[in-house]
Structures are given as structure tokens and as C-alpha cells.
């Protein structure tokens, strides 16, 4: 009788435990919310689209005809005095940090020292300061993706620049009359 009584007690405890587990599970199930979801999400990157112009009206890709800098006197002031104007327009949706390089090997029959030829860029519309870069440094930066101009053009806006050229007094030896041709200056915008 003791064995069957113990057995009955164990069976009763097992049944009560099972009922407790079922009751607890049912209680939690009754308190759980239905699942909800945020469907159809789309992730679009910003766009980077830089255009160039020499008149501030017609912006093109990939290029426009550049300038001829006549009368550059070694050791003299940069020419032209006010600079030649060009414009970069950011038609993308991201702000763009501007980089530039010379993607050509200019013809330099007179062996002008290109480390002593300076291209001087000024952001005109914001009253920016002059940035002077040597022709040689711009040629060398092509392989590395360019040289930072230290300027950012905000999405949807146009920046106006001036470009002047100068030479150090010892850039040429002899009587002068030298010419450097085929200088292609490229610009790119990096999302900033």
C-alpha cells in the first residue's frame, strides 16, 4: 500500500506539473502580440554627378575646351590678371569634395621645369583663397586619383572658379619663347 500510495502521489504531482506547464504556456501565448513587419524597404545611394562649363550656362560631360595663357613671364605676375573663368556644377544629390589632376603628358619641347609652373585656382562665388598647384604635382597625382582642391560643392549648386598661370623665374633657361601644350585638367567630385 505504501508503494501504490507513493506511486499515486508521484502520478498526481506529474499531472499537476504538466497542467502547470500547459497553463503557463497558454498564459504566455495569450499575452503575446501578433507579429508586425516593415515591408518593402528600399535603400538608394546618393548620386555624384559633376558637370563643367566655361560660360556658366551650358554644362557638359565630359569636357569643354580650355584656355590659352599667353604672355606668361617667368618670375612675373600670374596671367590673366583676373583669371579665366570656369564653372563646376553638382547635379547629383551628394555634396562633392573636388579633386583634380592632369591626365596627359603635355608637350614640353623647351624643357620647361614643370615643378616651377603654377596653376592657380580661386573659388570666386564664395570669395575663396587662391590654391596654387604645380603642373608637375598635378601630372603626378593622376595615378593616385588626384589632388584635393580643398573645396566642396553642395548638391544642386554651381561653383565659379578662376584659373591663372605663373612660372618661377628659373622655370626656363634661355631667352624664353617656350610653349607647353596638351594640358588636360580633369576634375572629380568625391561624396563628402
N, C-alpha and C. Protein backbone atom coordinates (compact mmCIF):
# COMPACT_ATOMS: atom_id res chain seq x y z
N UNK A 1 0.81 -1.18 0.00
CA UNK A 1 0.00 0.00 0.00
C UNK A 1 0.86 1.25 0.00
N UNK A 2 1.96 1.17 0.66
CA UNK A 2 2.85 2.32 0.68
C UNK A 2 3.39 2.58 -0.71
N UNK A 3 3.72 1.50 -1.45
CA UNK A 3 4.25 1.67 -2.80
C UNK A 3 3.23 2.24 -3.74
N UNK A 4 1.97 1.80 -3.62
CA UNK A 4 0.98 2.31 -4.53
C UNK A 4 0.56 3.72 -4.15
N UNK A 5 0.66 4.04 -2.84
CA UNK A 5 0.36 5.39 -2.40
C UNK A 5 1.43 6.35 -2.92
N UNK A 6 2.68 5.95 -2.88
CA UNK A 6 3.77 6.77 -3.37
C UNK A 6 3.64 6.96 -4.87
N UNK A 7 3.28 5.87 -5.51
CA UNK A 7 3.09 5.92 -6.95
C UNK A 7 1.96 6.87 -7.32
N UNK A 8 0.88 6.86 -6.56
CA UNK A 8 -0.26 7.72 -6.81
C UNK A 8 0.12 9.18 -6.59
N UNK A 9 0.93 9.42 -5.55
CA UNK A 9 1.36 10.79 -5.25
C UNK A 9 2.27 11.30 -6.38
N UNK A 10 3.19 10.46 -6.84
CA UNK A 10 4.09 10.85 -7.92
C UNK A 10 3.30 11.13 -9.19
N UNK A 11 2.32 10.28 -9.47
CA UNK A 11 1.47 10.49 -10.64
C UNK A 11 0.69 11.80 -10.52
N UNK A 12 0.19 12.08 -9.33
CA UNK A 12 -0.57 13.31 -9.11
C UNK A 12 0.33 14.54 -9.30
N UNK A 13 1.55 14.47 -8.75
CA UNK A 13 2.49 15.58 -8.92
C UNK A 13 2.86 15.78 -10.38
N UNK A 14 3.06 14.68 -11.11
CA UNK A 14 3.39 14.78 -12.53
C UNK A 14 2.25 15.41 -13.31
N UNK A 15 1.04 15.02 -12.99
CA UNK A 15 -0.13 15.58 -13.69
C UNK A 15 -0.26 17.06 -13.37
N UNK A 16 -0.09 17.42 -12.08
CA UNK A 16 -0.20 18.85 -11.71
C UNK A 16 0.92 19.66 -12.37
N UNK A 17 2.12 19.09 -12.44
CA UNK A 17 3.23 19.78 -13.11
C UNK A 17 2.95 19.99 -14.57
N UNK A 18 2.41 18.96 -15.24
CA UNK A 18 2.08 19.07 -16.67
C UNK A 18 1.00 20.11 -16.88
N UNK A 19 -0.01 20.11 -15.99
CA UNK A 19 -1.10 21.10 -16.10
C UNK A 19 -0.52 22.49 -15.88
N UNK A 20 0.41 22.63 -14.94
CA UNK A 20 1.04 23.93 -14.69
C UNK A 20 1.82 24.43 -15.89
N UNK A 21 2.57 23.52 -16.54
CA UNK A 21 3.33 23.90 -17.73
C UNK A 21 2.39 24.31 -18.84
N UNK A 22 1.34 23.54 -19.06
CA UNK A 22 0.37 23.87 -20.11
C UNK A 22 -0.32 25.19 -19.80
N UNK A 23 -0.69 25.38 -18.55
CA UNK A 23 -1.36 26.62 -18.14
C UNK A 23 -0.43 27.81 -18.33
N UNK A 24 0.82 27.66 -17.91
CA UNK A 24 1.79 28.75 -18.06
C UNK A 24 2.00 29.06 -19.53
N UNK A 25 2.19 28.03 -20.38
CA UNK A 25 2.37 28.23 -21.82
C UNK A 25 1.18 28.91 -22.43
N UNK A 26 -0.02 28.51 -22.02
CA UNK A 26 -1.25 29.12 -22.56
C UNK A 26 -1.35 30.57 -22.11
N UNK A 27 -0.92 30.86 -20.88
CA UNK A 27 -0.97 32.23 -20.38
C UNK A 27 -0.02 33.12 -21.18
N UNK A 28 1.22 32.61 -21.41
CA UNK A 28 2.17 33.41 -22.20
C UNK A 28 1.68 33.59 -23.62
N UNK A 29 1.09 32.55 -24.21
CA UNK A 29 0.58 32.64 -25.57
C UNK A 29 -0.54 33.67 -25.64
N UNK A 30 -1.34 33.76 -24.63
CA UNK A 30 -2.45 34.71 -24.62
C UNK A 30 -1.94 36.13 -24.49
N UNK A 31 -0.73 36.34 -23.94
CA UNK A 31 -0.18 37.68 -23.74
C UNK A 31 0.76 38.12 -24.86
N UNK A 32 1.05 37.26 -25.80
CA UNK A 32 1.98 37.59 -26.88
C UNK A 32 1.25 38.32 -27.99
N UNK A 33 1.87 39.44 -28.47
CA UNK A 33 1.24 40.20 -29.55
C UNK A 33 1.44 39.48 -30.87
N UNK A 34 0.63 39.81 -31.86
CA UNK A 34 0.89 39.26 -33.19
C UNK A 34 2.14 39.93 -33.76
N UNK A 35 2.82 39.27 -34.67
CA UNK A 35 4.00 39.88 -35.27
C UNK A 35 3.58 40.94 -36.27
N UNK A 36 4.41 41.96 -36.39
CA UNK A 36 4.18 43.04 -37.36
C UNK A 36 5.45 43.20 -38.16
N UNK A 37 5.38 43.83 -39.32
CA UNK A 37 6.58 43.97 -40.15
C UNK A 37 6.60 45.30 -40.89
N UNK A 38 7.80 45.71 -41.24
CA UNK A 38 8.04 46.91 -42.03
C UNK A 38 8.49 46.40 -43.39
N UNK A 39 7.59 46.33 -44.35
CA UNK A 39 7.84 45.68 -45.63
C UNK A 39 8.24 46.67 -46.71
N UNK A 40 8.89 46.14 -47.74
CA UNK A 40 9.17 46.91 -48.96
C UNK A 40 10.20 48.00 -48.79
N UNK A 41 11.13 47.86 -47.86
CA UNK A 41 12.17 48.88 -47.68
C UNK A 41 13.07 48.93 -48.91
N UNK A 42 13.53 50.13 -49.25
CA UNK A 42 14.44 50.34 -50.39
C UNK A 42 15.57 51.25 -49.92
N UNK A 43 16.79 50.92 -50.27
CA UNK A 43 17.94 51.76 -49.94
C UNK A 43 18.57 52.23 -51.24
N UNK A 44 18.59 53.54 -51.45
CA UNK A 44 19.20 54.13 -52.64
C UNK A 44 20.39 54.95 -52.22
N UNK A 45 21.49 54.82 -52.92
CA UNK A 45 22.66 55.64 -52.60
C UNK A 45 22.45 57.05 -53.17
N UNK A 46 23.21 57.97 -52.63
CA UNK A 46 23.22 59.33 -53.19
C UNK A 46 23.90 59.26 -54.56
N UNK A 47 23.70 60.29 -55.37
CA UNK A 47 24.33 60.32 -56.68
C UNK A 47 25.42 61.38 -56.72
N UNK A 48 26.45 61.09 -57.49
CA UNK A 48 27.55 62.04 -57.70
C UNK A 48 27.61 62.34 -59.19
N UNK A 49 27.36 63.58 -59.55
CA UNK A 49 27.33 63.96 -60.96
C UNK A 49 27.86 65.38 -61.09
N UNK A 50 29.07 65.50 -61.61
CA UNK A 50 29.74 66.79 -61.75
C UNK A 50 29.78 67.18 -63.22
N UNK A 51 29.44 68.44 -63.52
CA UNK A 51 29.47 68.97 -64.89
C UNK A 51 30.37 70.20 -64.93
N UNK A 52 30.84 70.53 -66.15
CA UNK A 52 31.76 71.66 -66.31
C UNK A 52 31.27 72.61 -67.40
N UNK A 53 31.63 73.89 -67.25
CA UNK A 53 31.23 74.92 -68.21
C UNK A 53 32.27 76.04 -68.19
N UNK A 54 32.41 76.72 -69.31
CA UNK A 54 33.25 77.92 -69.34
C UNK A 54 32.39 79.18 -69.47
N UNK A 55 31.07 79.00 -69.64
CA UNK A 55 30.20 80.17 -69.73
C UNK A 55 29.18 80.27 -68.60
N UNK A 56 29.11 79.26 -67.74
CA UNK A 56 28.19 79.29 -66.61
C UNK A 56 26.76 78.98 -66.98
N UNK A 57 26.51 78.65 -68.25
CA UNK A 57 25.16 78.38 -68.71
C UNK A 57 25.02 76.95 -69.22
N UNK A 58 25.90 76.55 -70.10
CA UNK A 58 25.85 75.22 -70.70
C UNK A 58 26.85 74.31 -69.99
N UNK A 59 26.34 73.31 -69.27
CA UNK A 59 27.19 72.40 -68.50
C UNK A 59 27.22 71.05 -69.20
N UNK A 60 28.42 70.54 -69.42
CA UNK A 60 28.58 69.31 -70.18
C UNK A 60 29.39 68.27 -69.42
N UNK A 61 29.34 67.07 -69.97
CA UNK A 61 30.17 65.95 -69.56
C UNK A 61 30.71 65.38 -70.84
N UNK A 62 31.90 65.03 -71.03
CA UNK A 62 32.95 65.02 -70.03
C UNK A 62 33.90 66.20 -70.10
N UNK A 63 33.82 67.06 -71.13
CA UNK A 63 34.86 68.09 -71.23
C UNK A 63 34.38 69.33 -71.98
N UNK A 64 35.13 70.40 -71.79
CA UNK A 64 34.99 71.64 -72.56
C UNK A 64 36.40 72.05 -72.98
N UNK A 65 36.46 72.91 -73.97
CA UNK A 65 37.77 73.42 -74.42
C UNK A 65 38.31 74.37 -73.36
N UNK A 66 39.61 74.20 -73.05
CA UNK A 66 40.26 75.01 -72.02
C UNK A 66 40.75 76.34 -72.54
N UNK A 67 41.77 76.87 -71.91
CA UNK A 67 42.24 78.23 -72.15
C UNK A 67 43.67 78.25 -72.71
N UNK A 68 44.02 79.38 -73.33
CA UNK A 68 45.39 79.65 -73.76
C UNK A 68 45.91 80.78 -72.88
N UNK A 69 47.00 80.53 -72.20
CA UNK A 69 47.60 81.52 -71.30
C UNK A 69 48.81 82.12 -72.00
N UNK A 70 48.60 83.27 -72.63
CA UNK A 70 49.66 83.96 -73.38
C UNK A 70 50.40 84.94 -72.48
N UNK A 71 51.67 85.15 -72.79
CA UNK A 71 52.45 86.20 -72.13
C UNK A 71 52.84 85.88 -70.71
N UNK A 72 53.01 84.60 -70.38
CA UNK A 72 53.45 84.24 -69.03
C UNK A 72 54.93 84.59 -68.90
N UNK A 73 55.25 85.51 -68.01
CA UNK A 73 56.63 85.95 -67.80
C UNK A 73 57.21 85.21 -66.60
N UNK A 74 58.29 84.46 -66.80
CA UNK A 74 58.91 83.78 -65.66
C UNK A 74 59.28 84.78 -64.57
N UNK A 75 58.82 84.52 -63.36
CA UNK A 75 59.05 85.43 -62.24
C UNK A 75 58.06 86.57 -62.16
N UNK A 76 57.19 86.70 -63.17
CA UNK A 76 56.20 87.79 -63.19
C UNK A 76 54.90 87.40 -62.50
N UNK A 77 53.91 88.27 -62.62
CA UNK A 77 52.61 88.02 -62.01
C UNK A 77 51.84 86.96 -62.82
N UNK A 78 50.91 86.33 -62.17
CA UNK A 78 50.09 85.31 -62.81
C UNK A 78 49.20 85.95 -63.88
N UNK A 79 48.95 85.20 -64.95
CA UNK A 79 48.10 85.69 -66.04
C UNK A 79 46.95 84.73 -66.30
N UNK A 80 45.84 85.27 -66.80
CA UNK A 80 45.49 86.69 -66.87
C UNK A 80 45.21 87.24 -65.48
N UNK A 81 45.29 88.53 -65.36
CA UNK A 81 45.19 89.18 -64.05
C UNK A 81 43.95 88.75 -63.27
N UNK A 82 42.82 88.71 -63.91
CA UNK A 82 41.58 88.32 -63.24
C UNK A 82 41.29 86.83 -63.32
N UNK A 83 42.11 86.13 -64.07
CA UNK A 83 41.90 84.69 -64.23
C UNK A 83 40.86 84.40 -65.30
N UNK A 84 40.95 83.23 -65.89
CA UNK A 84 39.91 82.76 -66.82
C UNK A 84 38.86 82.01 -66.02
N UNK A 85 37.61 82.24 -66.36
CA UNK A 85 36.50 81.66 -65.58
C UNK A 85 36.06 80.31 -66.09
N UNK A 86 35.77 79.43 -65.14
CA UNK A 86 35.11 78.17 -65.45
C UNK A 86 34.20 77.83 -64.26
N UNK A 87 33.28 76.91 -64.51
CA UNK A 87 32.25 76.59 -63.52
C UNK A 87 32.13 75.08 -63.38
N UNK A 88 31.90 74.64 -62.17
CA UNK A 88 31.60 73.24 -61.89
C UNK A 88 30.22 73.19 -61.25
N UNK A 89 29.37 72.32 -61.78
CA UNK A 89 28.00 72.20 -61.26
C UNK A 89 27.80 70.79 -60.72
N UNK A 90 27.31 70.72 -59.50
CA UNK A 90 27.00 69.44 -58.87
C UNK A 90 25.52 69.17 -59.10
N UNK A 91 25.21 68.30 -60.07
CA UNK A 91 23.81 67.97 -60.34
C UNK A 91 23.40 66.68 -59.64
N UNK A 92 24.27 66.15 -58.79
CA UNK A 92 23.96 64.95 -58.02
C UNK A 92 23.27 65.32 -56.72
N UNK A 93 23.06 64.30 -55.88
CA UNK A 93 22.38 64.52 -54.60
C UNK A 93 23.32 64.49 -53.41
N UNK A 94 24.62 64.28 -53.64
CA UNK A 94 25.60 64.27 -52.55
C UNK A 94 26.50 65.50 -52.67
N UNK A 95 26.92 66.05 -51.54
CA UNK A 95 27.93 67.11 -51.56
C UNK A 95 29.23 66.49 -52.07
N UNK A 96 29.98 67.24 -52.88
CA UNK A 96 31.17 66.69 -53.52
C UNK A 96 32.43 67.47 -53.16
N UNK A 97 33.41 66.77 -52.61
CA UNK A 97 34.73 67.34 -52.38
C UNK A 97 35.48 67.23 -53.71
N UNK A 98 36.05 68.32 -54.16
CA UNK A 98 36.65 68.38 -55.50
C UNK A 98 38.13 67.98 -55.48
N UNK A 99 38.46 67.11 -56.43
CA UNK A 99 39.85 66.71 -56.66
C UNK A 99 40.16 66.98 -58.13
N UNK A 100 41.44 67.19 -58.44
CA UNK A 100 41.82 67.45 -59.82
C UNK A 100 43.19 66.86 -60.10
N UNK A 101 43.48 66.69 -61.39
CA UNK A 101 44.76 66.18 -61.85
C UNK A 101 44.92 66.54 -63.32
N UNK A 102 46.12 66.35 -63.83
CA UNK A 102 46.37 66.49 -65.26
C UNK A 102 46.54 65.07 -65.79
N UNK A 103 45.63 64.68 -66.68
CA UNK A 103 45.62 63.28 -67.15
C UNK A 103 46.31 63.13 -68.50
N UNK A 104 47.29 63.95 -68.75
CA UNK A 104 48.03 63.87 -70.01
C UNK A 104 49.49 64.19 -69.73
N UNK A 105 50.34 63.84 -70.66
CA UNK A 105 51.74 64.27 -70.60
C UNK A 105 51.87 65.41 -71.60
N UNK A 106 51.85 66.63 -71.11
CA UNK A 106 51.91 67.78 -72.02
C UNK A 106 53.18 67.77 -72.87
N UNK A 107 53.06 68.34 -74.04
CA UNK A 107 54.22 68.52 -74.91
C UNK A 107 55.03 69.68 -74.35
N UNK A 108 56.31 69.43 -74.09
CA UNK A 108 57.17 70.41 -73.44
C UNK A 108 58.53 70.42 -74.15
N UNK A 109 58.52 70.86 -75.40
CA UNK A 109 59.72 70.81 -76.25
C UNK A 109 60.87 71.66 -75.71
N UNK A 110 60.56 72.71 -74.96
CA UNK A 110 61.61 73.61 -74.43
C UNK A 110 62.11 73.17 -73.06
N UNK A 111 61.62 72.03 -72.60
CA UNK A 111 62.03 71.50 -71.29
C UNK A 111 61.84 72.50 -70.15
N UNK A 112 60.66 73.12 -70.12
CA UNK A 112 60.31 73.98 -69.01
C UNK A 112 60.23 73.10 -67.76
N UNK A 113 60.74 73.57 -66.64
CA UNK A 113 60.68 72.82 -65.38
C UNK A 113 59.25 72.88 -64.86
N UNK A 114 58.53 71.78 -65.01
CA UNK A 114 57.11 71.75 -64.66
C UNK A 114 56.86 71.85 -63.16
N UNK A 115 57.90 71.68 -62.35
CA UNK A 115 57.73 71.89 -60.90
C UNK A 115 57.69 73.38 -60.58
N UNK A 116 57.97 74.21 -61.60
CA UNK A 116 58.00 75.66 -61.39
C UNK A 116 56.94 76.39 -62.22
N UNK A 117 55.99 75.61 -62.73
CA UNK A 117 54.84 76.18 -63.43
C UNK A 117 53.63 75.97 -62.52
N UNK A 118 52.95 77.06 -62.20
CA UNK A 118 51.86 77.03 -61.21
C UNK A 118 50.51 77.31 -61.86
N UNK A 119 49.54 76.46 -61.55
CA UNK A 119 48.15 76.70 -61.91
C UNK A 119 47.48 77.19 -60.64
N UNK A 120 46.85 78.35 -60.71
CA UNK A 120 46.30 79.00 -59.53
C UNK A 120 44.78 79.06 -59.65
N UNK A 121 44.11 78.32 -58.76
CA UNK A 121 42.66 78.21 -58.76
C UNK A 121 42.09 79.05 -57.62
N UNK A 122 40.99 79.76 -57.90
CA UNK A 122 40.30 80.53 -56.88
C UNK A 122 38.80 80.28 -57.01
N UNK A 123 38.14 79.92 -55.91
CA UNK A 123 36.68 79.81 -55.91
C UNK A 123 36.14 81.22 -55.76
N UNK A 124 35.52 81.72 -56.83
CA UNK A 124 35.10 83.12 -56.91
C UNK A 124 33.81 83.38 -56.15
N UNK A 125 32.80 82.51 -56.30
CA UNK A 125 31.48 82.78 -55.74
C UNK A 125 31.46 82.78 -54.22
N UNK A 126 32.44 82.18 -53.57
CA UNK A 126 32.49 82.18 -52.11
C UNK A 126 33.64 83.04 -51.57
N UNK A 127 34.36 83.69 -52.48
CA UNK A 127 35.49 84.52 -52.06
C UNK A 127 36.63 83.68 -51.49
N UNK A 128 36.79 82.49 -52.03
CA UNK A 128 37.83 81.58 -51.54
C UNK A 128 39.23 82.09 -51.82
N UNK A 129 40.19 81.50 -51.13
CA UNK A 129 41.58 81.91 -51.32
C UNK A 129 42.18 81.14 -52.50
N UNK A 130 43.29 81.65 -52.99
CA UNK A 130 43.97 81.01 -54.11
C UNK A 130 44.60 79.69 -53.67
N UNK A 131 44.51 78.70 -54.56
CA UNK A 131 45.17 77.42 -54.36
C UNK A 131 46.13 77.26 -55.53
N UNK A 132 47.43 77.26 -55.24
CA UNK A 132 48.45 77.15 -56.27
C UNK A 132 49.00 75.74 -56.28
N UNK A 133 48.92 75.09 -57.44
CA UNK A 133 49.40 73.72 -57.61
C UNK A 133 50.35 73.69 -58.78
N UNK A 134 51.46 72.99 -58.65
CA UNK A 134 52.39 72.94 -59.77
C UNK A 134 51.86 71.97 -60.82
N UNK A 135 52.23 72.25 -62.05
CA UNK A 135 51.83 71.38 -63.16
C UNK A 135 52.37 69.98 -62.94
N UNK A 136 53.58 69.86 -62.46
CA UNK A 136 54.19 68.55 -62.21
C UNK A 136 53.42 67.77 -61.14
N UNK A 137 53.01 68.45 -60.06
CA UNK A 137 52.27 67.75 -59.00
C UNK A 137 50.92 67.25 -59.50
N UNK A 138 50.29 68.00 -60.39
CA UNK A 138 49.01 67.57 -60.95
C UNK A 138 49.18 66.39 -61.90
N UNK A 139 50.27 66.38 -62.65
CA UNK A 139 50.56 65.23 -63.52
C UNK A 139 50.82 63.99 -62.66
N UNK A 140 51.63 64.16 -61.63
CA UNK A 140 51.98 63.03 -60.75
C UNK A 140 50.78 62.50 -59.97
N UNK A 141 49.81 63.37 -59.66
CA UNK A 141 48.67 62.94 -58.84
C UNK A 141 47.64 62.13 -59.63
N UNK A 142 47.78 62.09 -60.94
CA UNK A 142 46.84 61.33 -61.78
C UNK A 142 46.74 59.88 -61.31
N UNK A 143 47.88 59.23 -61.10
CA UNK A 143 47.90 57.82 -60.71
C UNK A 143 47.27 57.59 -59.34
N UNK A 144 47.30 58.61 -58.47
CA UNK A 144 46.77 58.47 -57.11
C UNK A 144 45.32 58.96 -57.00
N UNK A 145 44.68 59.31 -58.10
CA UNK A 145 43.29 59.77 -58.05
C UNK A 145 43.12 61.26 -57.86
N UNK A 146 44.19 62.01 -58.01
CA UNK A 146 44.08 63.46 -57.99
C UNK A 146 44.55 64.11 -56.70
N UNK A 147 44.52 65.43 -56.74
CA UNK A 147 44.90 66.29 -55.62
C UNK A 147 43.65 67.01 -55.13
N UNK A 148 43.45 67.05 -53.83
CA UNK A 148 42.29 67.75 -53.27
C UNK A 148 42.42 69.25 -53.51
N UNK A 149 41.35 69.84 -54.00
CA UNK A 149 41.34 71.29 -54.21
C UNK A 149 41.01 72.02 -52.91
N UNK A 150 40.55 71.28 -51.92
CA UNK A 150 40.18 71.91 -50.64
C UNK A 150 38.86 72.63 -50.74
N UNK A 151 37.97 72.13 -51.59
CA UNK A 151 36.69 72.78 -51.82
C UNK A 151 35.60 71.73 -51.94
N UNK A 152 34.41 72.06 -51.46
CA UNK A 152 33.25 71.17 -51.57
C UNK A 152 32.12 71.94 -52.25
N UNK A 153 31.48 71.28 -53.20
CA UNK A 153 30.31 71.87 -53.87
C UNK A 153 29.09 71.13 -53.36
N UNK A 154 28.15 71.86 -52.79
CA UNK A 154 26.95 71.23 -52.24
C UNK A 154 26.04 70.73 -53.37
N UNK A 155 25.25 69.72 -53.04
CA UNK A 155 24.34 69.11 -54.01
C UNK A 155 23.44 70.18 -54.63
N UNK A 156 23.34 70.14 -55.95
CA UNK A 156 22.45 71.04 -56.68
C UNK A 156 22.98 72.45 -56.90
N UNK A 157 24.23 72.71 -56.55
CA UNK A 157 24.73 74.08 -56.71
C UNK A 157 25.87 74.16 -57.72
N UNK A 158 26.16 75.40 -58.11
CA UNK A 158 27.20 75.69 -59.08
C UNK A 158 28.29 76.51 -58.40
N UNK A 159 29.54 76.16 -58.67
CA UNK A 159 30.68 76.90 -58.13
C UNK A 159 31.41 77.56 -59.29
N UNK A 160 31.77 78.82 -59.10
CA UNK A 160 32.54 79.52 -60.14
C UNK A 160 33.98 79.67 -59.68
N UNK A 161 34.89 79.44 -60.62
CA UNK A 161 36.32 79.47 -60.34
C UNK A 161 37.03 80.36 -61.34
N UNK A 162 38.22 80.83 -60.95
CA UNK A 162 39.12 81.47 -61.91
C UNK A 162 40.40 80.67 -61.92
N UNK A 163 41.06 80.68 -63.07
CA UNK A 163 42.32 79.96 -63.24
C UNK A 163 43.35 80.91 -63.84
N UNK A 164 44.49 81.00 -63.17
CA UNK A 164 45.62 81.79 -63.65
C UNK A 164 46.84 80.89 -63.69
N UNK A 165 47.86 81.33 -64.43
CA UNK A 165 49.11 80.57 -64.55
C UNK A 165 50.28 81.49 -64.26
N UNK A 166 51.28 80.95 -63.56
CA UNK A 166 52.52 81.68 -63.34
C UNK A 166 53.70 80.71 -63.44
N UNK A 167 54.89 81.29 -63.62
CA UNK A 167 56.13 80.50 -63.66
C UNK A 167 57.14 81.15 -62.74
N UNK A 168 57.91 80.31 -62.07
CA UNK A 168 59.04 80.82 -61.29
C UNK A 168 60.08 81.40 -62.25
N UNK A 169 60.90 82.31 -61.76
CA UNK A 169 61.87 82.98 -62.62
C UNK A 169 62.87 82.02 -63.26
N UNK A 170 63.13 80.89 -62.63
CA UNK A 170 64.09 79.94 -63.18
C UNK A 170 63.42 78.71 -63.81
N UNK A 171 62.16 78.85 -64.22
CA UNK A 171 61.44 77.74 -64.86
C UNK A 171 61.98 77.43 -66.25
N UNK A 172 62.52 78.45 -66.91
CA UNK A 172 63.05 78.28 -68.28
C UNK A 172 64.47 78.81 -68.29
N UNK A 173 65.30 78.15 -69.06
CA UNK A 173 66.64 78.72 -69.28
C UNK A 173 66.70 79.21 -70.72
N UNK A 174 67.38 80.27 -70.93
CA UNK A 174 67.47 80.83 -72.27
C UNK A 174 66.63 82.08 -72.41
N UNK A 175 66.23 82.34 -73.63
CA UNK A 175 65.53 83.59 -73.93
C UNK A 175 64.01 83.45 -73.90
N UNK A 176 63.53 82.30 -73.56
CA UNK A 176 62.08 82.12 -73.49
C UNK A 176 61.51 81.63 -74.79
N UNK A 177 60.31 82.04 -75.06
CA UNK A 177 59.64 81.61 -76.27
C UNK A 177 59.21 80.15 -76.19
N UNK A 178 59.01 79.63 -74.99
CA UNK A 178 58.63 78.23 -74.83
C UNK A 178 57.11 78.08 -74.81
N UNK A 179 56.70 76.86 -75.05
CA UNK A 179 55.27 76.56 -75.06
C UNK A 179 55.05 75.16 -74.47
N UNK A 180 54.05 75.05 -73.62
CA UNK A 180 53.63 73.76 -73.08
C UNK A 180 52.21 73.55 -73.59
N UNK A 181 51.98 72.48 -74.32
CA UNK A 181 50.66 72.25 -74.92
C UNK A 181 50.10 70.89 -74.48
N UNK A 182 48.82 70.73 -74.71
CA UNK A 182 48.16 69.46 -74.42
C UNK A 182 47.94 69.23 -72.93
N UNK A 183 47.65 70.28 -72.21
CA UNK A 183 47.41 70.16 -70.76
C UNK A 183 45.91 69.93 -70.54
N UNK A 184 45.57 68.73 -70.11
CA UNK A 184 44.16 68.38 -69.84
C UNK A 184 43.95 68.30 -68.34
N UNK A 185 43.20 69.25 -67.79
CA UNK A 185 42.94 69.29 -66.35
C UNK A 185 41.59 68.60 -66.12
N UNK A 186 41.61 67.56 -65.31
CA UNK A 186 40.38 66.81 -65.00
C UNK A 186 39.97 67.06 -63.56
N UNK A 187 38.66 67.10 -63.34
CA UNK A 187 38.08 67.32 -62.01
C UNK A 187 37.16 66.15 -61.69
N UNK A 188 37.07 65.81 -60.42
CA UNK A 188 36.10 64.82 -59.99
C UNK A 188 35.56 65.26 -58.65
N UNK A 189 34.39 64.77 -58.31
CA UNK A 189 33.79 65.05 -57.03
C UNK A 189 33.66 63.76 -56.24
N UNK A 190 34.11 63.77 -55.00
CA UNK A 190 34.04 62.63 -54.10
C UNK A 190 32.98 62.94 -53.05
N UNK A 191 32.05 62.04 -52.86
CA UNK A 191 30.98 62.25 -51.88
C UNK A 191 31.53 62.69 -50.54
N UNK A 192 31.05 63.83 -50.06
CA UNK A 192 31.57 64.38 -48.81
C UNK A 192 30.48 64.40 -47.75
